[in-house]
């Protein structure tokens, strides 16, 4: 999953970025609403964390612009402003949730998981498929109740496939979700990660099927 942080305080932004990357998210940081708008025009994100007190255009403006373009990614507002009026303004602008500083990373992570589940119409924090379980709370995976070791990118790919199942996930979507603004990942690299995942899942009742010219889908072997 790829998250955009819109925060103009470098220490706060870097702390959030490092914490979320340890939780296997791909994270980009924009220090202004203008920079964030350029990011979302060319890149695909699964979630945005937005500070309200930004230089020039504020976070409310960014959220309104995002919604006006029809972009419906979940938005969590993180701000020092704790008045009810600001909370109402943020939610009315199109934010999905609102947290005031000081906040703790475990709570932010829990709200991120809840908003992403809601946006994908998923009720359970554990993504399950034919004996495979990805627990998004503990960031552990099991296959037929046996621990499954995954790299961060393998986890990210499998999470996307399970959230979309039974739909197909395009290679472009996988590239966008795994590539940070400062690092590139190619479709060839995606194929390498898929190949390794197939090897790790080979003992279970799961297949990552290639849909030629489109992308990948999680299936049971008999399907």
Foldseek 3Di string as FASTA:
>chain_A
DEEEEAAQPVVVQVVLCVLVVVLLFHYEYHPALVRVVVCVVPFDGQEYEAEQPGPDHGRLVSLLVCVVVVNQRAYEYEYQDDDPVVVVSNVVSPHPYYDYPPDDPLVVQVVSLVRSCVVLVHDDQWQDDQQWTQRSNVRWIDRVNHTFDDDSLLSVVVVVQSSQPPDFDFLRNSQRRPAYPVGGDDSVNVVVSQVVVCVRCVVTQWDFDADPPGHTHIDGVVD
